Amino acid sequence: MPRTSTAPERSVTRVEVAIGSDLTPAQQSAVVDVLYEGFERKIHHLLLLSKSEEQAKRLIPQLVDFSQSLVAVRGGRVCGVLFMNQGRDRCFRFDWRLGVSEFGLLGTIGRRINYWLVHEKKRRPTELNIQAITVRAELRNQGLGTLLVNEAQRYAGRHAFRELTLEVVDTNPQAKRLYERLGFTTKKTESTWPFTARAGFNAVDTMAKPVEAV
């Protein structure tokens, strides 16, 4: 597995961060498991409107771009994952044909509207946006989230991006405190109620920090 970086933090020693497309098929499947664990409610009630765990895990690998992800791996095991939008290139795509085959035409139209609301935000070419970040539940509070965000910042600097952005929901104050410690500031707050209520949140903060060239 090609190595991107090794964690310097004591609590996450021997953790490597790799590009998702460089992982083995089994590890990519584990990335899907970690994504589902971290975003189950959002996946079922907002992102995919999937009907079951099996369906969600079957669809996700067909809709994500693993080359736009950073994955924390320890001893071959996937520990955490970060997906990023690079400028106007999105890490999650919409597939009409796949949608119609799974949900029918009317169901796909509704999901296309959701995709537009969630993913089709205007991004600047010089912006690297963290679309999703999550760590296995039993490995949280060990510095892995910080490791992934820091690696995203280094990645942004190496690839000529000038700003690192992310969105954090109102029901995750712990994550917002982490991002503030890492230098992010809130640029705006948007109410998403009642559209996102079933997904578990009612507002979203957009946060950003500048990126220095590496």
N, C-alpha and C. Protein backbone atom coordinates (compact mmCIF):
# COMPACT_ATOMS: atom_id res chain seq x y z
N MET A 1 0.84 -1.20 0.00
CA MET A 1 0.00 0.00 0.00
C MET A 1 0.88 1.25 0.00
N PRO A 2 0.83 2.08 -1.04
CA PRO A 2 1.63 3.30 -1.06
C PRO A 2 1.29 4.19 0.13
N ARG A 3 2.31 4.73 0.74
CA ARG A 3 2.11 5.52 1.96
C ARG A 3 2.11 7.00 1.65
N THR A 4 1.14 7.71 2.20
CA THR A 4 1.10 9.16 2.06
C THR A 4 1.87 9.81 3.21
N SER A 5 1.56 9.42 4.44
CA SER A 5 2.28 9.97 5.59
C SER A 5 2.07 9.06 6.78
N THR A 6 2.92 9.24 7.78
CA THR A 6 2.80 8.49 9.02
C THR A 6 2.51 9.47 10.14
N ALA A 7 1.58 9.10 11.01
CA ALA A 7 1.17 10.01 12.08
C ALA A 7 2.32 10.27 13.04
N PRO A 8 2.56 11.56 13.38
CA PRO A 8 3.58 11.88 14.38
C PRO A 8 3.04 11.82 15.79
N GLU A 9 1.71 11.86 15.94
CA GLU A 9 1.13 11.91 17.28
C GLU A 9 1.35 10.59 18.00
N ARG A 10 1.67 10.67 19.30
CA ARG A 10 1.96 9.47 20.07
C ARG A 10 0.79 8.50 20.06
N SER A 11 -0.45 9.01 20.22
CA SER A 11 -1.61 8.13 20.36
C SER A 11 -1.97 7.42 19.07
N VAL A 12 -1.44 7.89 17.94
CA VAL A 12 -1.77 7.24 16.68
C VAL A 12 -0.50 6.79 15.96
N THR A 13 0.53 6.42 16.74
CA THR A 13 1.76 5.92 16.16
C THR A 13 1.47 4.68 15.32
N ARG A 14 2.18 4.56 14.20
CA ARG A 14 2.07 3.45 13.27
C ARG A 14 0.80 3.51 12.42
N VAL A 15 0.13 4.64 12.44
CA VAL A 15 -1.00 4.84 11.55
C VAL A 15 -0.50 5.52 10.29
N GLU A 16 -0.82 4.96 9.13
CA GLU A 16 -0.45 5.54 7.86
C GLU A 16 -1.69 6.12 7.19
N VAL A 17 -1.50 7.15 6.38
CA VAL A 17 -2.60 7.74 5.63
C VAL A 17 -2.32 7.53 4.15
N ALA A 18 -3.26 6.91 3.46
CA ALA A 18 -3.11 6.58 2.04
C ALA A 18 -4.27 7.13 1.24
N ILE A 19 -4.05 7.32 -0.05
CA ILE A 19 -5.13 7.65 -0.96
C ILE A 19 -6.01 6.42 -1.13
N GLY A 20 -7.33 6.61 -1.07
CA GLY A 20 -8.25 5.47 -1.10
C GLY A 20 -8.13 4.59 -2.33
N SER A 21 -7.78 5.18 -3.47
CA SER A 21 -7.67 4.39 -4.70
C SER A 21 -6.46 3.47 -4.69
N ASP A 22 -5.52 3.69 -3.75
CA ASP A 22 -4.34 2.83 -3.63
C ASP A 22 -4.57 1.63 -2.72
N LEU A 23 -5.74 1.56 -2.10
CA LEU A 23 -6.03 0.47 -1.17
C LEU A 23 -6.44 -0.79 -1.91
N THR A 24 -6.41 -1.90 -1.20
CA THR A 24 -6.89 -3.15 -1.76
C THR A 24 -8.43 -3.13 -1.82
N PRO A 25 -9.04 -3.98 -2.65
CA PRO A 25 -10.50 -4.05 -2.67
C PRO A 25 -11.10 -4.32 -1.29
N ALA A 26 -10.46 -5.16 -0.50
CA ALA A 26 -10.98 -5.45 0.84
C ALA A 26 -10.92 -4.21 1.73
N GLN A 27 -9.86 -3.43 1.60
CA GLN A 27 -9.75 -2.21 2.39
C GLN A 27 -10.77 -1.16 1.92
N GLN A 28 -11.02 -1.08 0.61
CA GLN A 28 -12.04 -0.16 0.11
C GLN A 28 -13.42 -0.56 0.62
N SER A 29 -13.67 -1.85 0.71
CA SER A 29 -14.91 -2.32 1.30
C SER A 29 -15.01 -1.89 2.77
N ALA A 30 -13.88 -1.93 3.47
CA ALA A 30 -13.86 -1.48 4.86
C ALA A 30 -14.11 0.02 4.95
N VAL A 31 -13.62 0.79 3.97
CA VAL A 31 -13.91 2.22 3.93
C VAL A 31 -15.42 2.45 3.87
N VAL A 32 -16.10 1.66 3.06
CA VAL A 32 -17.56 1.77 2.96
C VAL A 32 -18.21 1.45 4.31
N ASP A 33 -17.70 0.43 5.00
CA ASP A 33 -18.24 0.09 6.32
C ASP A 33 -18.08 1.25 7.31
N VAL A 34 -16.91 1.89 7.28
CA VAL A 34 -16.65 3.00 8.20
C VAL A 34 -17.54 4.19 7.86
N LEU A 35 -17.70 4.48 6.57
CA LEU A 35 -18.60 5.55 6.15
C LEU A 35 -20.02 5.28 6.62
N TYR A 36 -20.47 4.06 6.44
CA TYR A 36 -21.83 3.73 6.84
C TYR A 36 -22.01 3.86 8.35
N GLU A 37 -21.03 3.38 9.09
CA GLU A 37 -21.10 3.48 10.55
C GLU A 37 -21.20 4.94 11.00
N GLY A 38 -20.43 5.80 10.35
CA GLY A 38 -20.39 7.19 10.77
C GLY A 38 -21.56 8.03 10.29
N PHE A 39 -22.18 7.63 9.19
CA PHE A 39 -23.21 8.48 8.57
C PHE A 39 -24.50 7.71 8.28
N GLU A 40 -24.77 6.66 9.07
CA GLU A 40 -25.93 5.81 8.79
C GLU A 40 -27.23 6.61 8.66
N ARG A 41 -27.48 7.47 9.62
CA ARG A 41 -28.75 8.21 9.60
C ARG A 41 -28.82 9.16 8.41
N LYS A 42 -27.73 9.83 8.12
CA LYS A 42 -27.72 10.75 6.97
C LYS A 42 -27.84 9.99 5.66
N ILE A 43 -27.23 8.82 5.58
CA ILE A 43 -27.31 8.01 4.36
C ILE A 43 -28.74 7.59 4.08
N HIS A 44 -29.44 7.14 5.11
CA HIS A 44 -30.80 6.62 4.91
C HIS A 44 -31.84 7.72 4.75
N HIS A 45 -31.62 8.86 5.37
CA HIS A 45 -32.67 9.89 5.38
C HIS A 45 -32.33 11.15 4.58
N LEU A 46 -31.13 11.18 3.97
CA LEU A 46 -30.76 12.39 3.23
C LEU A 46 -29.94 12.09 1.99
N LEU A 47 -28.84 11.37 2.13
CA LEU A 47 -27.89 11.23 1.04
C LEU A 47 -28.35 10.24 -0.03
N LEU A 48 -28.71 9.03 0.37
CA LEU A 48 -29.16 8.02 -0.59
C LEU A 48 -30.65 7.70 -0.48
N LEU A 49 -31.22 7.97 0.67
CA LEU A 49 -32.59 7.51 0.97
C LEU A 49 -32.68 6.01 0.71
N SER A 50 -31.63 5.30 1.12
CA SER A 50 -31.58 3.86 0.90
C SER A 50 -32.55 3.15 1.83
N LYS A 51 -32.94 1.95 1.42
CA LYS A 51 -33.96 1.21 2.14
C LYS A 51 -33.38 0.22 3.15
N SER A 52 -32.10 -0.08 3.04
CA SER A 52 -31.49 -1.05 3.95
C SER A 52 -29.99 -0.84 3.99
N GLU A 53 -29.34 -1.41 5.00
CA GLU A 53 -27.88 -1.35 5.09
C GLU A 53 -27.24 -2.03 3.89
N GLU A 54 -27.80 -3.18 3.50
CA GLU A 54 -27.25 -3.92 2.37
C GLU A 54 -27.28 -3.08 1.10
N GLN A 55 -28.38 -2.39 0.86
CA GLN A 55 -28.49 -1.57 -0.34
C GLN A 55 -27.52 -0.40 -0.29
N ALA A 56 -27.42 0.24 0.85
CA ALA A 56 -26.51 1.38 0.98
C ALA A 56 -25.07 0.96 0.71
N LYS A 57 -24.64 -0.14 1.32
CA LYS A 57 -23.26 -0.58 1.15
C LYS A 57 -22.98 -1.10 -0.25
N ARG A 58 -24.00 -1.51 -0.95
CA ARG A 58 -23.84 -1.93 -2.34
C ARG A 58 -23.73 -0.73 -3.28
N LEU A 59 -24.45 0.35 -2.95
CA LEU A 59 -24.46 1.52 -3.82
C LEU A 59 -23.26 2.45 -3.61
N ILE A 60 -22.83 2.59 -2.36
CA ILE A 60 -21.78 3.56 -2.06
C ILE A 60 -20.53 3.36 -2.91
N PRO A 61 -20.00 2.12 -3.07
CA PRO A 61 -18.78 1.98 -3.88
C PRO A 61 -18.96 2.40 -5.34
N GLN A 62 -20.19 2.39 -5.82
CA GLN A 62 -20.45 2.79 -7.20
C GLN A 62 -20.59 4.30 -7.36
N LEU A 63 -20.69 5.02 -6.24
CA LEU A 63 -20.96 6.45 -6.29
C LEU A 63 -19.83 7.32 -5.75
N VAL A 64 -18.86 6.72 -5.08
CA VAL A 64 -17.76 7.51 -4.53
C VAL A 64 -16.52 7.38 -5.40
N ASP A 65 -15.69 8.41 -5.34
CA ASP A 65 -14.40 8.41 -6.03
C ASP A 65 -13.32 8.19 -4.98
N PHE A 66 -12.81 6.96 -4.92
CA PHE A 66 -11.82 6.63 -3.89
C PHE A 66 -10.54 7.42 -4.06
N SER A 67 -10.28 7.93 -5.27
CA SER A 67 -9.06 8.72 -5.47
C SER A 67 -9.14 10.08 -4.77
N GLN A 68 -10.35 10.46 -4.34
CA GLN A 68 -10.52 11.71 -3.62
C GLN A 68 -10.79 11.46 -2.14
N SER A 69 -10.10 10.46 -1.61
CA SER A 69 -10.23 10.16 -0.19
C SER A 69 -8.87 9.93 0.43
N LEU A 70 -8.77 10.24 1.72
CA LEU A 70 -7.60 9.95 2.54
C LEU A 70 -8.04 8.95 3.60
N VAL A 71 -7.29 7.88 3.76
CA VAL A 71 -7.70 6.80 4.64
C VAL A 71 -6.61 6.50 5.66
N ALA A 72 -6.98 6.51 6.93
CA ALA A 72 -6.05 6.16 8.00
C ALA A 72 -6.07 4.65 8.18
N VAL A 73 -4.89 4.05 8.12
CA VAL A 73 -4.76 2.59 8.19
C VAL A 73 -3.72 2.22 9.23
N ARG A 74 -4.07 1.29 10.10
CA ARG A 74 -3.14 0.79 11.10
C ARG A 74 -3.06 -0.73 10.98
N GLY A 75 -1.87 -1.22 10.67
CA GLY A 75 -1.69 -2.66 10.53
C GLY A 75 -2.61 -3.28 9.49
N GLY A 76 -2.86 -2.55 8.42
CA GLY A 76 -3.73 -3.05 7.36
C GLY A 76 -5.21 -2.80 7.58
N ARG A 77 -5.57 -2.36 8.78
CA ARG A 77 -6.99 -2.14 9.11
C ARG A 77 -7.37 -0.68 8.90
N VAL A 78 -8.47 -0.43 8.22
CA VAL A 78 -8.97 0.92 8.01
C VAL A 78 -9.52 1.45 9.33
N CYS A 79 -8.99 2.60 9.75
CA CYS A 79 -9.40 3.19 11.03
C CYS A 79 -10.29 4.42 10.86
N GLY A 80 -10.08 5.17 9.80
CA GLY A 80 -10.85 6.39 9.58
C GLY A 80 -10.73 6.81 8.13
N VAL A 81 -11.63 7.68 7.70
CA VAL A 81 -11.65 8.07 6.29
C VAL A 81 -12.09 9.52 6.15
N LEU A 82 -11.53 10.19 5.16
CA LEU A 82 -11.90 11.56 4.82
C LEU A 82 -12.09 11.63 3.30
N PHE A 83 -13.27 12.07 2.87
CA PHE A 83 -13.53 12.30 1.44
C PHE A 83 -13.50 13.80 1.18
N MET A 84 -12.97 14.19 0.03
CA MET A 84 -12.79 15.61 -0.26
C MET A 84 -13.19 15.94 -1.69
N ASN A 85 -13.77 17.14 -1.84
CA ASN A 85 -14.05 17.71 -3.14
C ASN A 85 -12.89 18.62 -3.50
N GLN A 86 -12.28 18.36 -4.64
CA GLN A 86 -11.12 19.14 -5.06
C GLN A 86 -11.55 20.17 -6.10
N GLY A 87 -11.69 21.41 -5.65
CA GLY A 87 -12.24 22.42 -6.53
C GLY A 87 -13.66 22.05 -6.91
N ARG A 88 -13.90 21.94 -8.20
CA ARG A 88 -15.25 21.58 -8.68
C ARG A 88 -15.40 20.08 -8.93
N ASP A 89 -14.36 19.30 -8.64
CA ASP A 89 -14.44 17.84 -8.79
C ASP A 89 -15.02 17.23 -7.53
N ARG A 90 -16.13 16.53 -7.65
CA ARG A 90 -16.84 16.00 -6.49
C ARG A 90 -16.45 14.55 -6.21
N CYS A 91 -16.39 14.23 -4.92
CA CYS A 91 -16.03 12.87 -4.53
C CYS A 91 -17.22 11.93 -4.54
N PHE A 92 -18.45 12.49 -4.53
CA PHE A 92 -19.66 11.68 -4.65
C PHE A 92 -20.37 12.10 -5.93
N ARG A 93 -20.75 11.14 -6.75
CA ARG A 93 -21.42 11.46 -8.00
C ARG A 93 -22.86 10.98 -7.98
N PHE A 94 -23.64 11.50 -8.91
CA PHE A 94 -25.02 11.04 -9.06
C PHE A 94 -25.11 10.23 -10.35
N ASP A 95 -25.78 9.08 -10.28
CA ASP A 95 -25.88 8.18 -11.43
C ASP A 95 -27.36 7.92 -11.72
N TRP A 96 -27.86 8.53 -12.77
CA TRP A 96 -29.28 8.37 -13.12
C TRP A 96 -29.63 6.92 -13.39
N ARG A 97 -28.80 6.25 -14.19
CA ARG A 97 -29.11 4.87 -14.57
C ARG A 97 -29.15 3.96 -13.35
N LEU A 98 -28.18 4.10 -12.48
CA LEU A 98 -28.16 3.30 -11.26
C LEU A 98 -29.37 3.63 -10.39
N GLY A 99 -29.70 4.93 -10.30
CA GLY A 99 -30.84 5.33 -9.48
C GLY A 99 -32.14 4.74 -9.97
N VAL A 100 -32.35 4.80 -11.27
CA VAL A 100 -33.61 4.27 -11.83
C VAL A 100 -33.70 2.77 -11.62
N SER A 101 -32.57 2.07 -11.76
CA SER A 101 -32.60 0.62 -11.56
C SER A 101 -32.90 0.24 -10.12
N GLU A 102 -32.53 1.11 -9.17
CA GLU A 102 -32.72 0.81 -7.76
C GLU A 102 -34.04 1.36 -7.21
N PHE A 103 -34.43 2.57 -7.66
CA PHE A 103 -35.54 3.27 -7.02
C PHE A 103 -36.66 3.66 -7.97
N GLY A 104 -36.51 3.38 -9.25
CA GLY A 104 -37.51 3.81 -10.22
C GLY A 104 -37.31 5.27 -10.59
N LEU A 105 -38.03 5.73 -11.61
CA LEU A 105 -37.83 7.08 -12.11
C LEU A 105 -38.23 8.14 -11.09
N LEU A 106 -39.42 8.02 -10.50
CA LEU A 106 -39.87 9.03 -9.54
C LEU A 106 -38.96 9.07 -8.31
N GLY A 107 -38.57 7.91 -7.84
CA GLY A 107 -37.67 7.86 -6.69
C GLY A 107 -36.32 8.49 -6.99
N THR A 108 -35.85 8.33 -8.21
CA THR A 108 -34.57 8.90 -8.61
C THR A 108 -34.66 10.42 -8.73
N ILE A 109 -35.78 10.93 -9.21
CA ILE A 109 -35.95 12.38 -9.30
C ILE A 109 -35.85 13.01 -7.92
N GLY A 110 -36.52 12.41 -6.93
CA GLY A 110 -36.44 12.93 -5.57
C GLY A 110 -35.02 12.89 -5.04
N ARG A 111 -34.29 11.81 -5.33
CA ARG A 111 -32.91 11.70 -4.86
C ARG A 111 -32.01 12.67 -5.60
N ARG A 112 -32.33 12.99 -6.85
CA ARG A 112 -31.54 13.98 -7.59
C ARG A 112 -31.69 15.37 -6.96
N ILE A 113 -32.88 15.68 -6.48
CA ILE A 113 -33.09 16.95 -5.79
C ILE A 113 -32.26 17.00 -4.51
N ASN A 114 -32.27 15.90 -3.77
CA ASN A 114 -31.44 15.83 -2.55
C ASN A 114 -29.97 16.02 -2.88
N TYR A 115 -29.51 15.39 -3.94
CA TYR A 115 -28.10 15.50 -4.33
C TYR A 115 -27.76 16.95 -4.66
N TRP A 116 -28.65 17.60 -5.36
CA TRP A 116 -28.43 19.01 -5.70
C TRP A 116 -28.31 19.86 -4.44
N LEU A 117 -29.16 19.60 -3.46
CA LEU A 117 -29.14 20.39 -2.23
C LEU A 117 -27.89 20.12 -1.40
N VAL A 118 -27.43 18.88 -1.38
CA VAL A 118 -26.32 18.50 -0.50
C VAL A 118 -24.96 18.71 -1.16
N HIS A 119 -24.83 18.31 -2.42
CA HIS A 119 -23.51 18.23 -3.04
C HIS A 119 -23.20 19.33 -4.05
N GLU A 120 -24.20 19.90 -4.67
CA GLU A 120 -23.91 20.82 -5.77
C GLU A 120 -23.81 22.27 -5.29
N LYS A 121 -22.96 22.47 -4.32
CA LYS A 121 -22.65 23.82 -3.87
C LYS A 121 -21.52 24.38 -4.73
N LYS A 122 -21.54 25.67 -4.95
CA LYS A 122 -20.48 26.28 -5.75
C LYS A 122 -19.16 26.21 -5.01
N ARG A 123 -18.18 25.64 -5.66
CA ARG A 123 -16.83 25.54 -5.09
C ARG A 123 -15.86 26.30 -5.98
N ARG A 124 -14.94 26.99 -5.36
CA ARG A 124 -13.91 27.69 -6.11
C ARG A 124 -12.82 26.71 -6.54
N PRO A 125 -12.17 26.96 -7.66
CA PRO A 125 -11.11 26.05 -8.12
C PRO A 125 -9.97 25.92 -7.12
N THR A 126 -9.79 26.93 -6.27
CA THR A 126 -8.69 26.90 -5.29
C THR A 126 -9.13 26.39 -3.92
N GLU A 127 -10.31 25.80 -3.85
CA GLU A 127 -10.88 25.32 -2.57
C GLU A 127 -10.83 23.80 -2.49
N LEU A 128 -10.30 23.29 -1.40
CA LEU A 128 -10.39 21.87 -1.09
C LEU A 128 -11.42 21.72 0.02
N ASN A 129 -12.51 21.03 -0.26
CA ASN A 129 -13.61 20.88 0.69
C ASN A 129 -13.63 19.48 1.27
N ILE A 130 -13.65 19.40 2.59
CA ILE A 130 -13.81 18.11 3.27
C ILE A 130 -15.29 17.77 3.27
N GLN A 131 -15.68 16.83 2.44
CA GLN A 131 -17.08 16.46 2.31
C GLN A 131 -17.54 15.55 3.44
N ALA A 132 -16.67 14.64 3.83
CA ALA A 132 -17.04 13.68 4.89
C ALA A 132 -15.79 13.23 5.62
N ILE A 133 -15.87 13.12 6.93
CA ILE A 133 -14.77 12.60 7.73
C ILE A 133 -15.37 11.82 8.89
N THR A 134 -14.85 10.62 9.11
CA THR A 134 -15.35 9.81 10.22
C THR A 134 -14.28 8.79 10.62
N VAL A 135 -14.36 8.36 11.86
CA VAL A 135 -13.42 7.41 12.45
C VAL A 135 -14.22 6.29 13.09
N ARG A 136 -13.70 5.08 13.06
CA ARG A 136 -14.39 3.97 13.72
C ARG A 136 -14.74 4.35 15.16
N ALA A 137 -15.92 3.96 15.58
CA ALA A 137 -16.41 4.39 16.89
C ALA A 137 -15.46 4.02 18.02
N GLU A 138 -14.88 2.83 17.97
CA GLU A 138 -14.03 2.38 19.07
C GLU A 138 -12.64 3.03 19.04
N LEU A 139 -12.34 3.78 17.98
CA LEU A 139 -11.03 4.41 17.85
C LEU A 139 -11.08 5.93 17.95
N ARG A 140 -12.23 6.46 18.32
CA ARG A 140 -12.35 7.91 18.42
C ARG A 140 -11.62 8.44 19.66
N ASN A 141 -11.34 9.74 19.63
CA ASN A 141 -10.61 10.41 20.71
C ASN A 141 -9.18 9.89 20.86
N GLN A 142 -8.60 9.44 19.74
CA GLN A 142 -7.21 9.00 19.73
C GLN A 142 -6.36 9.82 18.77
N GLY A 143 -6.91 10.92 18.26
CA GLY A 143 -6.14 11.78 17.37
C GLY A 143 -6.26 11.47 15.90
N LEU A 144 -7.09 10.49 15.53
CA LEU A 144 -7.20 10.11 14.13
C LEU A 144 -7.90 11.17 13.29
N GLY A 145 -8.92 11.81 13.84
CA GLY A 145 -9.59 12.89 13.11
C GLY A 145 -8.64 14.04 12.84
N THR A 146 -7.87 14.41 13.85
CA THR A 146 -6.87 15.46 13.69
C THR A 146 -5.85 15.07 12.63
N LEU A 147 -5.40 13.83 12.68
CA LEU A 147 -4.45 13.33 11.69
C LEU A 147 -4.98 13.49 10.27
N LEU A 148 -6.24 13.11 10.05
CA LEU A 148 -6.82 13.18 8.71
C LEU A 148 -6.98 14.62 8.24
N VAL A 149 -7.44 15.50 9.13
CA VAL A 149 -7.59 16.91 8.75
C VAL A 149 -6.23 17.52 8.44
N ASN A 150 -5.23 17.24 9.25
CA ASN A 150 -3.90 17.77 8.99
C ASN A 150 -3.34 17.25 7.67
N GLU A 151 -3.60 15.99 7.38
CA GLU A 151 -3.13 15.44 6.11
C GLU A 151 -3.86 16.08 4.93
N ALA A 152 -5.16 16.37 5.11
CA ALA A 152 -5.91 17.07 4.06
C ALA A 152 -5.31 18.45 3.81
N GLN A 153 -4.87 19.12 4.87
CA GLN A 153 -4.25 20.42 4.70
C GLN A 153 -2.93 20.30 3.96
N ARG A 154 -2.14 19.30 4.29
CA ARG A 154 -0.88 19.11 3.57
C ARG A 154 -1.14 18.77 2.11
N TYR A 155 -2.15 17.93 1.87
CA TYR A 155 -2.52 17.58 0.50
C TYR A 155 -2.93 18.83 -0.27
N ALA A 156 -3.73 19.68 0.36
CA ALA A 156 -4.17 20.92 -0.28
C ALA A 156 -2.98 21.80 -0.65
N GLY A 157 -2.02 21.93 0.27
CA GLY A 157 -0.85 22.75 0.00
C GLY A 157 -0.02 22.22 -1.15
N ARG A 158 0.10 20.88 -1.24
CA ARG A 158 0.90 20.28 -2.32
C ARG A 158 0.23 20.44 -3.67
N HIS A 159 -1.09 20.59 -3.69
CA HIS A 159 -1.83 20.62 -4.95
C HIS A 159 -2.39 22.02 -5.26
N ALA A 160 -1.78 23.03 -4.70
CA ALA A 160 -2.06 24.43 -5.06
C ALA A 160 -3.44 24.91 -4.67
N PHE A 161 -4.08 24.26 -3.71
CA PHE A 161 -5.33 24.80 -3.17
C PHE A 161 -4.97 25.87 -2.14
N ARG A 162 -5.85 26.85 -2.00
CA ARG A 162 -5.57 27.99 -1.12
C ARG A 162 -6.49 28.07 0.09
N GLU A 163 -7.53 27.24 0.11
CA GLU A 163 -8.46 27.27 1.24
C GLU A 163 -8.99 25.87 1.49
N LEU A 164 -9.08 25.52 2.77
CA LEU A 164 -9.64 24.25 3.21
C LEU A 164 -10.98 24.56 3.87
N THR A 165 -12.05 23.93 3.40
CA THR A 165 -13.38 24.20 3.94
C THR A 165 -14.06 22.90 4.36
N LEU A 166 -15.07 23.05 5.18
CA LEU A 166 -15.89 21.91 5.60
C LEU A 166 -17.21 22.43 6.14
N GLU A 167 -18.16 21.52 6.28
CA GLU A 167 -19.44 21.84 6.90
C GLU A 167 -19.63 20.95 8.12
N VAL A 168 -20.12 21.53 9.21
CA VAL A 168 -20.36 20.77 10.42
C VAL A 168 -21.78 21.05 10.90
N VAL A 169 -22.49 20.00 11.31
CA VAL A 169 -23.90 20.16 11.69
C VAL A 169 -24.03 20.61 13.13
N ASP A 170 -25.18 21.18 13.44
CA ASP A 170 -25.40 21.76 14.77
C ASP A 170 -25.46 20.73 15.88
N THR A 171 -25.69 19.46 15.53
CA THR A 171 -25.77 18.41 16.55
C THR A 171 -24.42 17.73 16.79
N ASN A 172 -23.35 18.32 16.27
CA ASN A 172 -22.01 17.75 16.48
C ASN A 172 -21.05 18.83 17.00
N PRO A 173 -21.34 19.37 18.20
CA PRO A 173 -20.49 20.45 18.74
C PRO A 173 -19.07 20.00 19.03
N GLN A 174 -18.87 18.71 19.33
CA GLN A 174 -17.51 18.22 19.60
C GLN A 174 -16.65 18.36 18.36
N ALA A 175 -17.21 18.02 17.20
CA ALA A 175 -16.43 18.16 15.96
C ALA A 175 -16.12 19.63 15.69
N LYS A 176 -17.09 20.50 15.94
CA LYS A 176 -16.84 21.92 15.70
C LYS A 176 -15.72 22.44 16.59
N ARG A 177 -15.69 22.01 17.84
CA ARG A 177 -14.61 22.44 18.73
C ARG A 177 -13.25 21.96 18.22
N LEU A 178 -13.22 20.74 17.69
CA LEU A 178 -11.97 20.22 17.11
C LEU A 178 -11.52 21.09 15.95
N TYR A 179 -12.44 21.40 15.04
CA TYR A 179 -12.07 22.21 13.88
C TYR A 179 -11.60 23.60 14.30
N GLU A 180 -12.22 24.15 15.32
CA GLU A 180 -11.76 25.46 15.82
C GLU A 180 -10.35 25.36 16.38
N ARG A 181 -10.04 24.28 17.09
CA ARG A 181 -8.68 24.10 17.61
C ARG A 181 -7.67 23.96 16.47
N LEU A 182 -8.13 23.45 15.33
CA LEU A 182 -7.24 23.26 14.20
C LEU A 182 -7.16 24.50 13.31
N GLY A 183 -7.81 25.58 13.73
CA GLY A 183 -7.66 26.84 13.02
C GLY A 183 -8.78 27.22 12.09
N PHE A 184 -9.87 26.45 12.06
CA PHE A 184 -11.01 26.80 11.22
C PHE A 184 -11.86 27.87 11.90
N THR A 185 -12.44 28.75 11.10
CA THR A 185 -13.38 29.74 11.60
C THR A 185 -14.69 29.61 10.84
N THR A 186 -15.78 29.94 11.51
CA THR A 186 -17.11 29.83 10.91
C THR A 186 -17.35 31.00 9.97
N LYS A 187 -17.71 30.69 8.73
CA LYS A 187 -17.99 31.72 7.73
C LYS A 187 -19.47 32.04 7.63
N LYS A 188 -20.32 31.03 7.81
CA LYS A 188 -21.75 31.27 7.79
C LYS A 188 -22.47 30.09 8.42
N THR A 189 -23.69 30.34 8.85
CA THR A 189 -24.57 29.30 9.41
C THR A 189 -25.87 29.31 8.63
N GLU A 190 -26.29 28.13 8.19
CA GLU A 190 -27.51 28.01 7.41
C GLU A 190 -28.49 27.08 8.11
N SER A 191 -29.73 27.50 8.22
CA SER A 191 -30.77 26.62 8.74
C SER A 191 -31.18 25.63 7.65
N THR A 192 -31.25 24.36 8.01
CA THR A 192 -31.65 23.33 7.05
C THR A 192 -32.95 22.65 7.46
N TRP A 193 -33.54 23.11 8.55
CA TRP A 193 -34.80 22.55 9.03
C TRP A 193 -35.93 23.01 8.11
N PRO A 194 -36.91 22.18 7.82
CA PRO A 194 -37.13 20.81 8.30
C PRO A 194 -36.55 19.74 7.37
N PHE A 195 -35.87 20.18 6.29
CA PHE A 195 -35.39 19.27 5.26
C PHE A 195 -34.50 18.18 5.84
N THR A 196 -33.65 18.53 6.81
CA THR A 196 -32.67 17.58 7.33
C THR A 196 -33.03 17.01 8.70
N ALA A 197 -34.23 17.28 9.18
CA ALA A 197 -34.59 16.87 10.54
C ALA A 197 -34.46 15.36 10.74
N ARG A 198 -34.93 14.59 9.78
CA ARG A 198 -34.86 13.12 9.92
C ARG A 198 -33.43 12.61 9.86
N ALA A 199 -32.55 13.41 9.25
CA ALA A 199 -31.14 13.02 9.19
C ALA A 199 -30.40 13.38 10.46
N GLY A 200 -31.07 14.10 11.39
CA GLY A 200 -30.49 14.33 12.70
C GLY A 200 -29.88 15.68 12.94
N PHE A 201 -30.17 16.67 12.10
CA PHE A 201 -29.65 18.01 12.35
C PHE A 201 -30.56 19.05 11.73
N ASN A 202 -30.40 20.31 12.19
CA ASN A 202 -31.28 21.38 11.76
C ASN A 202 -30.55 22.60 11.19
N ALA A 203 -29.22 22.61 11.28
CA ALA A 203 -28.44 23.74 10.76
C ALA A 203 -27.03 23.25 10.46
N VAL A 204 -26.36 24.01 9.59
CA VAL A 204 -25.01 23.66 9.16
C VAL A 204 -24.13 24.90 9.22
N ASP A 205 -22.96 24.77 9.84
CA ASP A 205 -21.94 25.82 9.83
C ASP A 205 -20.92 25.52 8.74
N THR A 206 -20.61 26.50 7.90
CA THR A 206 -19.52 26.39 6.94
C THR A 206 -18.29 26.99 7.58
N MET A 207 -17.21 26.20 7.63
CA MET A 207 -15.96 26.64 8.26
C MET A 207 -14.83 26.60 7.25
N ALA A 208 -13.82 27.44 7.47
CA ALA A 208 -12.72 27.51 6.52
C ALA A 208 -11.43 27.91 7.22
N LYS A 209 -10.31 27.57 6.58
CA LYS A 209 -9.01 28.06 7.02
C LYS A 209 -8.12 28.18 5.80
N PRO A 210 -7.20 29.14 5.80
CA PRO A 210 -6.30 29.29 4.65
C PRO A 210 -5.28 28.16 4.59
N VAL A 211 -4.76 27.92 3.40
CA VAL A 211 -3.78 26.88 3.18
C VAL A 211 -2.50 27.51 2.63
N GLU A 212 -1.39 27.15 3.20
CA GLU A 212 -0.10 27.63 2.69
C GLU A 212 0.50 26.61 1.75
N ALA A 213 1.13 27.08 0.70
CA ALA A 213 1.76 26.18 -0.27
C ALA A 213 2.89 25.39 0.41
N VAL A 214 3.03 24.16 -0.01
CA VAL A 214 4.08 23.28 0.54
C VAL A 214 5.23 23.20 -0.45
